[in-house]
N, C-alpha and C. Protein backbone atom coordinates (compact mmCIF):
# COMPACT_ATOMS: atom_id res chain seq x y z
N MET A 1 -0.16 -16.46 9.09
CA MET A 1 -0.73 -15.62 8.06
C MET A 1 -2.24 -15.88 8.04
N ILE A 2 -2.99 -14.81 8.04
CA ILE A 2 -4.45 -14.90 8.04
C ILE A 2 -4.97 -14.26 6.76
N PHE A 3 -5.90 -14.93 6.11
CA PHE A 3 -6.51 -14.41 4.89
C PHE A 3 -7.95 -14.03 5.19
N ILE A 4 -8.30 -12.80 4.85
CA ILE A 4 -9.66 -12.32 5.03
C ILE A 4 -10.14 -11.78 3.70
N ASP A 5 -11.26 -12.27 3.22
CA ASP A 5 -11.82 -11.77 1.97
C ASP A 5 -12.69 -10.56 2.29
N ILE A 6 -12.09 -9.38 2.18
CA ILE A 6 -12.79 -8.14 2.53
C ILE A 6 -13.94 -7.87 1.58
N THR A 7 -13.86 -8.36 0.35
CA THR A 7 -14.92 -8.07 -0.62
C THR A 7 -16.26 -8.60 -0.16
N LEU A 8 -16.27 -9.62 0.67
CA LEU A 8 -17.53 -10.14 1.20
C LEU A 8 -18.12 -9.21 2.25
N LEU A 9 -17.29 -8.32 2.79
CA LEU A 9 -17.73 -7.47 3.89
C LEU A 9 -17.98 -6.03 3.48
N VAL A 10 -17.71 -5.68 2.23
CA VAL A 10 -17.88 -4.30 1.77
C VAL A 10 -19.37 -4.02 1.60
N GLY A 11 -19.73 -2.77 1.84
CA GLY A 11 -21.13 -2.38 1.66
C GLY A 11 -21.81 -2.21 3.00
N PRO A 12 -22.97 -2.86 3.16
CA PRO A 12 -23.73 -2.65 4.39
C PRO A 12 -23.02 -3.20 5.63
N ARG A 13 -22.05 -4.07 5.45
CA ARG A 13 -21.35 -4.66 6.59
C ARG A 13 -19.98 -4.02 6.81
N LEU A 14 -19.88 -2.72 6.58
CA LEU A 14 -18.62 -2.00 6.71
C LEU A 14 -18.07 -2.09 8.14
N GLY A 15 -18.95 -2.09 9.12
CA GLY A 15 -18.51 -2.20 10.51
C GLY A 15 -17.76 -3.49 10.78
N GLN A 16 -18.12 -4.54 10.06
CA GLN A 16 -17.42 -5.82 10.24
C GLN A 16 -15.98 -5.73 9.75
N VAL A 17 -15.75 -4.96 8.69
CA VAL A 17 -14.38 -4.79 8.19
C VAL A 17 -13.53 -4.13 9.27
N GLU A 18 -14.05 -3.06 9.86
CA GLU A 18 -13.31 -2.38 10.93
C GLU A 18 -13.06 -3.32 12.11
N GLN A 19 -14.05 -4.15 12.42
CA GLN A 19 -13.91 -5.11 13.51
C GLN A 19 -12.81 -6.13 13.19
N TYR A 20 -12.80 -6.65 11.97
CA TYR A 20 -11.76 -7.60 11.57
C TYR A 20 -10.38 -6.95 11.64
N LEU A 21 -10.28 -5.71 11.18
CA LEU A 21 -8.99 -5.03 11.17
C LEU A 21 -8.48 -4.80 12.58
N SER A 22 -9.37 -4.43 13.50
CA SER A 22 -8.93 -4.20 14.87
C SER A 22 -8.65 -5.52 15.60
N THR A 23 -9.36 -6.58 15.24
CA THR A 23 -9.14 -7.88 15.88
C THR A 23 -7.84 -8.52 15.42
N PHE A 24 -7.63 -8.59 14.11
CA PHE A 24 -6.48 -9.31 13.57
C PHE A 24 -5.24 -8.44 13.38
N GLU A 25 -5.40 -7.12 13.31
CA GLU A 25 -4.30 -6.17 13.12
C GLU A 25 -3.32 -6.64 12.05
N PRO A 26 -3.74 -6.71 10.81
CA PRO A 26 -2.86 -7.19 9.74
C PRO A 26 -1.68 -6.25 9.52
N HIS A 27 -0.54 -6.82 9.16
CA HIS A 27 0.65 -6.03 8.86
C HIS A 27 0.70 -5.61 7.40
N ALA A 28 -0.07 -6.30 6.57
CA ALA A 28 -0.05 -5.99 5.13
C ALA A 28 -1.38 -6.40 4.52
N PHE A 29 -1.66 -5.78 3.38
CA PHE A 29 -2.85 -6.11 2.60
C PHE A 29 -2.39 -6.48 1.19
N VAL A 30 -2.87 -7.60 0.71
CA VAL A 30 -2.59 -8.03 -0.66
C VAL A 30 -3.94 -8.04 -1.38
N VAL A 31 -4.13 -7.08 -2.26
CA VAL A 31 -5.38 -6.94 -3.00
C VAL A 31 -5.15 -7.55 -4.37
N THR A 32 -5.89 -8.61 -4.67
CA THR A 32 -5.66 -9.39 -5.89
C THR A 32 -6.84 -9.29 -6.84
N TYR A 33 -6.53 -9.21 -8.13
CA TYR A 33 -7.57 -9.24 -9.15
C TYR A 33 -7.10 -10.07 -10.33
N SER A 34 -8.04 -10.50 -11.15
CA SER A 34 -7.74 -11.28 -12.34
C SER A 34 -7.66 -10.34 -13.54
N VAL A 35 -6.60 -10.48 -14.34
CA VAL A 35 -6.45 -9.61 -15.51
C VAL A 35 -7.44 -9.96 -16.62
N VAL A 36 -8.13 -11.09 -16.49
CA VAL A 36 -9.10 -11.48 -17.52
C VAL A 36 -10.53 -11.13 -17.12
N GLU A 37 -10.72 -10.56 -15.93
CA GLU A 37 -12.05 -10.18 -15.47
C GLU A 37 -12.05 -8.71 -15.05
N ARG A 38 -12.64 -7.87 -15.84
CA ARG A 38 -12.71 -6.44 -15.55
C ARG A 38 -13.40 -6.19 -14.21
N ARG A 39 -14.43 -6.97 -13.90
CA ARG A 39 -15.17 -6.78 -12.64
C ARG A 39 -14.27 -7.01 -11.42
N SER A 40 -13.37 -7.96 -11.49
CA SER A 40 -12.48 -8.19 -10.34
C SER A 40 -11.53 -7.00 -10.15
N PHE A 41 -11.15 -6.36 -11.25
CA PHE A 41 -10.32 -5.15 -11.17
C PHE A 41 -11.10 -4.03 -10.48
N GLN A 42 -12.36 -3.90 -10.83
CA GLN A 42 -13.21 -2.88 -10.21
C GLN A 42 -13.39 -3.15 -8.71
N ARG A 43 -13.55 -4.42 -8.35
CA ARG A 43 -13.67 -4.79 -6.93
C ARG A 43 -12.37 -4.49 -6.19
N ALA A 44 -11.25 -4.73 -6.84
CA ALA A 44 -9.95 -4.42 -6.22
C ALA A 44 -9.85 -2.92 -5.94
N GLU A 45 -10.33 -2.11 -6.88
CA GLU A 45 -10.33 -0.66 -6.67
C GLU A 45 -11.23 -0.29 -5.50
N GLU A 46 -12.38 -0.93 -5.39
CA GLU A 46 -13.28 -0.67 -4.26
C GLU A 46 -12.62 -1.03 -2.93
N VAL A 47 -11.89 -2.12 -2.90
CA VAL A 47 -11.19 -2.52 -1.68
C VAL A 47 -10.11 -1.50 -1.33
N LEU A 48 -9.35 -1.03 -2.33
CA LEU A 48 -8.34 -0.01 -2.07
C LEU A 48 -8.98 1.28 -1.56
N GLN A 49 -10.13 1.65 -2.14
CA GLN A 49 -10.85 2.83 -1.65
C GLN A 49 -11.25 2.66 -0.19
N LEU A 50 -11.74 1.48 0.14
CA LEU A 50 -12.15 1.19 1.52
C LEU A 50 -10.96 1.30 2.47
N LEU A 51 -9.85 0.69 2.11
CA LEU A 51 -8.66 0.75 2.96
C LEU A 51 -8.18 2.19 3.11
N TRP A 52 -8.29 2.97 2.04
CA TRP A 52 -7.88 4.38 2.08
C TRP A 52 -8.79 5.16 3.03
N ARG A 53 -10.12 4.94 2.91
CA ARG A 53 -11.07 5.64 3.78
C ARG A 53 -10.88 5.28 5.25
N LEU A 54 -10.53 4.03 5.52
CA LEU A 54 -10.31 3.60 6.90
C LEU A 54 -8.94 4.02 7.43
N ASP A 55 -8.13 4.64 6.59
CA ASP A 55 -6.81 5.16 6.94
C ASP A 55 -5.90 4.08 7.52
N VAL A 56 -5.87 2.94 6.85
CA VAL A 56 -5.01 1.84 7.31
C VAL A 56 -3.84 1.59 6.36
N MET A 57 -3.73 2.39 5.31
CA MET A 57 -2.68 2.15 4.31
C MET A 57 -1.36 2.84 4.64
N THR A 58 -1.39 3.82 5.52
CA THR A 58 -0.18 4.60 5.75
C THR A 58 0.90 3.84 6.51
N ASN A 59 0.51 2.96 7.42
CA ASN A 59 1.52 2.26 8.21
C ASN A 59 1.53 0.75 7.97
N ARG A 60 0.92 0.32 6.87
CA ARG A 60 0.91 -1.10 6.52
C ARG A 60 1.25 -1.26 5.04
N GLY A 61 1.88 -2.37 4.72
CA GLY A 61 2.20 -2.65 3.33
C GLY A 61 0.94 -2.99 2.55
N VAL A 62 0.81 -2.42 1.37
CA VAL A 62 -0.32 -2.71 0.49
C VAL A 62 0.24 -3.04 -0.89
N ILE A 63 -0.13 -4.21 -1.39
CA ILE A 63 0.35 -4.65 -2.70
C ILE A 63 -0.85 -5.02 -3.56
N LEU A 64 -0.92 -4.43 -4.73
CA LEU A 64 -1.95 -4.76 -5.71
C LEU A 64 -1.38 -5.83 -6.63
N VAL A 65 -2.06 -6.97 -6.70
CA VAL A 65 -1.55 -8.12 -7.46
C VAL A 65 -2.47 -8.41 -8.64
N ALA A 66 -1.90 -8.37 -9.84
CA ALA A 66 -2.62 -8.76 -11.05
C ALA A 66 -2.30 -10.23 -11.31
N ASN A 67 -3.30 -11.08 -11.25
CA ASN A 67 -3.08 -12.52 -11.41
C ASN A 67 -3.59 -13.00 -12.76
N LYS A 68 -3.22 -14.19 -13.13
CA LYS A 68 -3.59 -14.86 -14.39
C LYS A 68 -2.97 -14.17 -15.61
N THR A 69 -1.75 -13.69 -15.46
CA THR A 69 -1.09 -13.02 -16.58
C THR A 69 -0.70 -13.99 -17.69
N ASP A 70 -0.80 -15.29 -17.44
CA ASP A 70 -0.50 -16.28 -18.46
C ASP A 70 -1.60 -16.37 -19.52
N ILE A 71 -2.78 -15.86 -19.21
CA ILE A 71 -3.91 -15.92 -20.16
C ILE A 71 -3.91 -14.61 -20.96
N VAL A 72 -2.97 -14.47 -21.85
CA VAL A 72 -2.73 -13.21 -22.56
C VAL A 72 -3.86 -12.84 -23.50
N ARG A 73 -4.37 -13.80 -24.23
CA ARG A 73 -5.39 -13.49 -25.25
C ARG A 73 -6.72 -13.04 -24.67
N SER A 74 -7.01 -13.43 -23.46
CA SER A 74 -8.28 -13.06 -22.83
C SER A 74 -8.14 -11.86 -21.90
N ARG A 75 -6.98 -11.24 -21.91
CA ARG A 75 -6.72 -10.14 -20.98
C ARG A 75 -7.65 -8.96 -21.24
N SER A 76 -8.27 -8.44 -20.16
CA SER A 76 -9.14 -7.28 -20.30
C SER A 76 -8.65 -6.09 -19.47
N VAL A 77 -7.64 -6.30 -18.63
CA VAL A 77 -7.05 -5.22 -17.83
C VAL A 77 -5.57 -5.12 -18.21
N THR A 78 -5.16 -3.96 -18.69
CA THR A 78 -3.77 -3.79 -19.13
C THR A 78 -2.84 -3.58 -17.94
N PRO A 79 -1.55 -3.87 -18.13
CA PRO A 79 -0.58 -3.60 -17.05
C PRO A 79 -0.56 -2.13 -16.66
N LYS A 80 -0.75 -1.25 -17.63
CA LYS A 80 -0.75 0.20 -17.36
C LYS A 80 -1.90 0.58 -16.43
N GLU A 81 -3.08 -0.01 -16.64
CA GLU A 81 -4.22 0.27 -15.76
C GLU A 81 -3.93 -0.16 -14.33
N GLY A 82 -3.34 -1.33 -14.18
CA GLY A 82 -3.00 -1.82 -12.84
C GLY A 82 -1.96 -0.94 -12.17
N SER A 83 -0.93 -0.58 -12.93
CA SER A 83 0.12 0.28 -12.40
C SER A 83 -0.42 1.65 -12.02
N ASN A 84 -1.29 2.21 -12.86
CA ASN A 84 -1.88 3.52 -12.55
C ASN A 84 -2.73 3.46 -11.28
N LEU A 85 -3.49 2.37 -11.12
CA LEU A 85 -4.31 2.22 -9.92
C LEU A 85 -3.42 2.14 -8.68
N ALA A 86 -2.35 1.37 -8.76
CA ALA A 86 -1.42 1.26 -7.63
C ALA A 86 -0.79 2.61 -7.31
N ASP A 87 -0.39 3.35 -8.34
CA ASP A 87 0.18 4.68 -8.13
C ASP A 87 -0.81 5.61 -7.46
N SER A 88 -2.07 5.55 -7.88
CA SER A 88 -3.06 6.47 -7.33
C SER A 88 -3.35 6.21 -5.85
N TYR A 89 -3.12 4.99 -5.39
CA TYR A 89 -3.33 4.68 -3.97
C TYR A 89 -2.01 4.51 -3.22
N ASP A 90 -0.91 4.87 -3.86
CA ASP A 90 0.41 4.82 -3.24
C ASP A 90 0.73 3.44 -2.68
N CYS A 91 0.47 2.42 -3.50
CA CYS A 91 0.78 1.05 -3.07
C CYS A 91 1.64 0.38 -4.14
N LYS A 92 2.10 -0.80 -3.87
CA LYS A 92 2.96 -1.54 -4.78
C LYS A 92 2.13 -2.36 -5.75
N TYR A 93 2.77 -2.74 -6.87
CA TYR A 93 2.06 -3.47 -7.93
C TYR A 93 2.96 -4.56 -8.49
N ILE A 94 2.39 -5.73 -8.69
CA ILE A 94 3.12 -6.84 -9.31
C ILE A 94 2.14 -7.68 -10.11
N GLU A 95 2.63 -8.24 -11.21
CA GLU A 95 1.81 -9.15 -12.02
C GLU A 95 2.32 -10.57 -11.81
N THR A 96 1.39 -11.49 -11.58
CA THR A 96 1.75 -12.88 -11.31
C THR A 96 0.91 -13.84 -12.14
N SER A 97 1.37 -15.07 -12.15
CA SER A 97 0.57 -16.17 -12.69
C SER A 97 0.76 -17.33 -11.74
N SER A 98 -0.25 -17.57 -10.92
CA SER A 98 -0.13 -18.67 -9.97
C SER A 98 -0.13 -20.01 -10.69
N GLY A 99 -0.75 -20.07 -11.87
CA GLY A 99 -0.77 -21.30 -12.66
C GLY A 99 0.61 -21.73 -13.12
N PHE A 100 1.44 -20.76 -13.52
CA PHE A 100 2.80 -21.04 -13.96
C PHE A 100 3.85 -20.72 -12.90
N ASN A 101 3.40 -20.32 -11.71
CA ASN A 101 4.28 -19.94 -10.62
C ASN A 101 5.20 -18.79 -11.03
N HIS A 102 4.70 -17.88 -11.85
CA HIS A 102 5.46 -16.73 -12.34
C HIS A 102 5.33 -15.57 -11.35
N GLN A 103 6.44 -15.10 -10.82
CA GLN A 103 6.54 -13.97 -9.91
C GLN A 103 5.92 -14.25 -8.53
N VAL A 104 5.56 -15.49 -8.24
CA VAL A 104 4.95 -15.81 -6.95
C VAL A 104 5.97 -15.68 -5.82
N ASP A 105 7.19 -16.19 -6.04
CA ASP A 105 8.23 -16.05 -5.02
C ASP A 105 8.57 -14.58 -4.78
N GLU A 106 8.64 -13.80 -5.87
CA GLU A 106 8.92 -12.37 -5.74
C GLU A 106 7.83 -11.68 -4.93
N LEU A 107 6.59 -12.10 -5.13
CA LEU A 107 5.47 -11.52 -4.37
C LEU A 107 5.62 -11.83 -2.88
N LEU A 108 5.90 -13.06 -2.54
CA LEU A 108 6.04 -13.44 -1.13
C LEU A 108 7.19 -12.70 -0.46
N VAL A 109 8.32 -12.61 -1.14
CA VAL A 109 9.46 -11.86 -0.60
C VAL A 109 9.09 -10.38 -0.49
N GLY A 110 8.39 -9.85 -1.49
CA GLY A 110 7.97 -8.45 -1.47
C GLY A 110 7.02 -8.14 -0.33
N ILE A 111 6.12 -9.06 -0.02
CA ILE A 111 5.20 -8.86 1.10
C ILE A 111 5.99 -8.70 2.40
N LEU A 112 6.92 -9.62 2.63
CA LEU A 112 7.74 -9.54 3.85
C LEU A 112 8.58 -8.26 3.88
N LYS A 113 9.14 -7.89 2.74
CA LYS A 113 9.96 -6.68 2.67
C LYS A 113 9.12 -5.44 2.98
N GLN A 114 7.91 -5.37 2.42
CA GLN A 114 7.03 -4.23 2.68
C GLN A 114 6.64 -4.16 4.15
N ILE A 115 6.37 -5.31 4.77
CA ILE A 115 6.04 -5.32 6.20
C ILE A 115 7.21 -4.77 7.00
N ARG A 116 8.42 -5.24 6.69
CA ARG A 116 9.60 -4.76 7.42
C ARG A 116 9.84 -3.27 7.20
N LEU A 117 9.71 -2.82 5.95
CA LEU A 117 9.93 -1.40 5.65
C LEU A 117 8.91 -0.52 6.35
N LYS A 118 7.64 -0.91 6.30
CA LYS A 118 6.59 -0.11 6.94
C LYS A 118 6.74 -0.11 8.45
N THR A 119 7.10 -1.26 9.03
CA THR A 119 7.30 -1.33 10.48
C THR A 119 8.47 -0.44 10.89
N HIS A 120 9.57 -0.53 10.17
CA HIS A 120 10.74 0.29 10.45
C HIS A 120 10.42 1.77 10.28
N SER A 121 9.69 2.10 9.23
CA SER A 121 9.33 3.49 8.95
C SER A 121 8.44 4.07 10.04
N SER A 122 7.44 3.31 10.48
CA SER A 122 6.53 3.82 11.51
C SER A 122 7.24 3.94 12.86
N GLU A 123 8.19 3.03 13.16
CA GLU A 123 8.96 3.14 14.40
C GLU A 123 9.85 4.37 14.36
N ALA A 124 10.49 4.63 13.23
CA ALA A 124 11.36 5.80 13.10
C ALA A 124 10.55 7.08 13.22
N THR A 125 9.36 7.10 12.64
CA THR A 125 8.50 8.28 12.72
C THR A 125 8.07 8.54 14.16
N SER A 126 7.70 7.49 14.88
CA SER A 126 7.28 7.68 16.27
C SER A 126 8.44 8.13 17.15
N ARG A 127 9.66 7.64 16.87
CA ARG A 127 10.83 8.09 17.62
C ARG A 127 11.11 9.56 17.35
N LYS A 128 10.98 9.98 16.09
CA LYS A 128 11.21 11.39 15.74
C LYS A 128 10.21 12.28 16.46
N ARG A 129 8.95 11.85 16.52
CA ARG A 129 7.92 12.65 17.18
C ARG A 129 8.20 12.78 18.67
N SER A 130 8.68 11.72 19.30
CA SER A 130 8.91 11.77 20.75
C SER A 130 10.15 12.59 21.10
N THR A 131 11.15 12.68 20.22
CA THR A 131 12.35 13.44 20.51
C THR A 131 12.27 14.88 20.01
N ARG A 132 11.30 15.18 19.19
CA ARG A 132 11.15 16.51 18.62
C ARG A 132 10.67 17.48 19.69
N LYS A 133 11.24 18.69 19.71
CA LYS A 133 10.79 19.72 20.64
C LYS A 133 9.40 20.17 20.23
N LYS A 134 8.58 20.36 21.23
CA LYS A 134 7.22 20.82 20.95
C LYS A 134 7.24 22.31 20.68
N LYS A 135 6.46 22.72 19.70
CA LYS A 135 6.35 24.14 19.38
C LYS A 135 5.18 24.72 20.16
N TYR A 136 5.40 25.89 20.68
CA TYR A 136 4.34 26.55 21.43
C TYR A 136 3.84 27.73 20.62
N ARG A 137 2.64 28.13 20.92
CA ARG A 137 2.05 29.27 20.24
C ARG A 137 2.94 30.48 20.45
N GLY A 138 3.23 31.18 19.38
CA GLY A 138 4.06 32.37 19.47
C GLY A 138 5.53 32.10 19.20
N THR A 139 5.93 30.85 19.05
CA THR A 139 7.33 30.53 18.76
C THR A 139 7.64 30.97 17.34
N LYS A 140 8.74 31.68 17.18
CA LYS A 140 9.12 32.15 15.85
C LYS A 140 10.14 31.21 15.24
N THR A 141 9.95 30.90 13.98
CA THR A 141 10.89 30.07 13.24
C THR A 141 11.24 30.82 11.96
N SER A 142 12.53 30.81 11.63
CA SER A 142 12.93 31.54 10.44
C SER A 142 12.34 30.90 9.19
N ALA A 143 12.18 31.69 8.17
CA ALA A 143 11.59 31.20 6.91
C ALA A 143 12.45 30.10 6.29
N SER A 144 13.77 30.24 6.39
CA SER A 144 14.64 29.22 5.79
C SER A 144 14.47 27.86 6.48
N LEU A 145 14.28 27.86 7.79
CA LEU A 145 14.06 26.60 8.50
C LEU A 145 12.73 25.98 8.12
N LYS A 146 11.73 26.83 7.92
CA LYS A 146 10.42 26.32 7.50
C LYS A 146 10.51 25.67 6.12
N VAL A 147 11.24 26.33 5.21
CA VAL A 147 11.40 25.79 3.86
C VAL A 147 12.18 24.48 3.92
N LYS A 148 13.26 24.44 4.70
CA LYS A 148 14.06 23.23 4.82
C LYS A 148 13.22 22.09 5.39
N SER A 149 12.43 22.38 6.40
CA SER A 149 11.57 21.36 7.00
C SER A 149 10.56 20.83 5.99
N PHE A 150 9.97 21.74 5.22
CA PHE A 150 8.99 21.34 4.20
C PHE A 150 9.64 20.45 3.14
N LEU A 151 10.81 20.86 2.64
CA LEU A 151 11.49 20.09 1.61
C LEU A 151 11.93 18.72 2.13
N THR A 152 12.35 18.65 3.38
CA THR A 152 12.73 17.36 3.96
C THR A 152 11.53 16.43 4.03
N LYS A 153 10.37 16.98 4.41
CA LYS A 153 9.16 16.16 4.48
C LYS A 153 8.74 15.68 3.10
N VAL A 154 8.83 16.56 2.11
CA VAL A 154 8.39 16.22 0.76
C VAL A 154 9.38 15.29 0.07
N CYS A 155 10.66 15.64 0.12
CA CYS A 155 11.67 14.90 -0.63
C CYS A 155 12.28 13.75 0.16
N GLY A 156 12.23 13.81 1.45
CA GLY A 156 12.88 12.78 2.25
C GLY A 156 14.36 13.09 2.37
N LYS A 157 15.04 12.34 3.19
CA LYS A 157 16.46 12.60 3.41
C LYS A 157 17.33 12.04 2.32
N GLU A 158 16.94 10.93 1.76
CA GLU A 158 17.73 10.35 0.68
C GLU A 158 16.80 9.96 -0.45
N PRO A 159 17.19 10.23 -1.66
CA PRO A 159 16.31 9.89 -2.78
C PRO A 159 16.18 8.38 -2.93
N LYS A 160 14.95 7.91 -2.99
CA LYS A 160 14.68 6.49 -3.19
C LYS A 160 13.72 6.33 -4.34
N SER A 161 13.78 5.19 -4.97
CA SER A 161 12.88 4.90 -6.07
C SER A 161 11.46 4.82 -5.55
N LYS A 162 10.54 5.50 -6.21
CA LYS A 162 9.15 5.48 -5.81
C LYS A 162 8.32 4.64 -6.76
N SER A 163 8.96 3.76 -7.50
CA SER A 163 8.26 2.92 -8.44
C SER A 163 7.29 2.02 -7.70
N CYS A 164 6.08 1.93 -8.20
CA CYS A 164 5.10 1.06 -7.56
C CYS A 164 5.42 -0.40 -7.83
N GLU A 165 6.30 -0.68 -8.77
CA GLU A 165 6.62 -2.06 -9.12
C GLU A 165 7.85 -2.60 -8.40
N ASN A 166 8.55 -1.76 -7.65
CA ASN A 166 9.71 -2.21 -6.88
C ASN A 166 9.24 -2.50 -5.46
N LEU A 167 9.12 -3.78 -5.13
CA LEU A 167 8.60 -4.18 -3.83
C LEU A 167 9.63 -4.08 -2.71
N HIS A 168 10.86 -3.70 -3.03
CA HIS A 168 11.92 -3.67 -2.03
C HIS A 168 12.17 -2.29 -1.45
N VAL A 169 11.38 -1.29 -1.84
CA VAL A 169 11.47 0.05 -1.27
C VAL A 169 10.07 0.51 -0.89
N LEU A 170 10.02 1.53 -0.04
CA LEU A 170 8.71 2.08 0.34
C LEU A 170 8.05 2.79 -0.80
């Protein structure tokens, strides 16, 4: 497991982030912020924006982690704000307290589960693309097949929970 503090590389050194990503090829990103520091939440959002712009979130697990949840009275970032941010970037969300070891095991298991799910999903997608017949210009497809194809892409084949807080599903 390799830890890279991307926040040190954001800004004028954006090329270094891309270099690190291509060199280390991470399977997952864990973006962590402190619930008692609003600025760390803003930095976490900047990191998610960067990952989104670099288009590395689609085939890798991304988990937004709210830490220091044991310090309730000093909290400046609500659980709803964290959950909304995770939803907006289509990533997972969990609240932890490393001081009390609260949800830390769940986070570690969730990281591995997300890596496995994303790896399996990207392999299945690449297999579908290679076995799919290529469409040529002028090929006619009935409207019902187009609608069915669209609905399958949007809804998926089986309904799954899309909760950002469930680390065991995509």
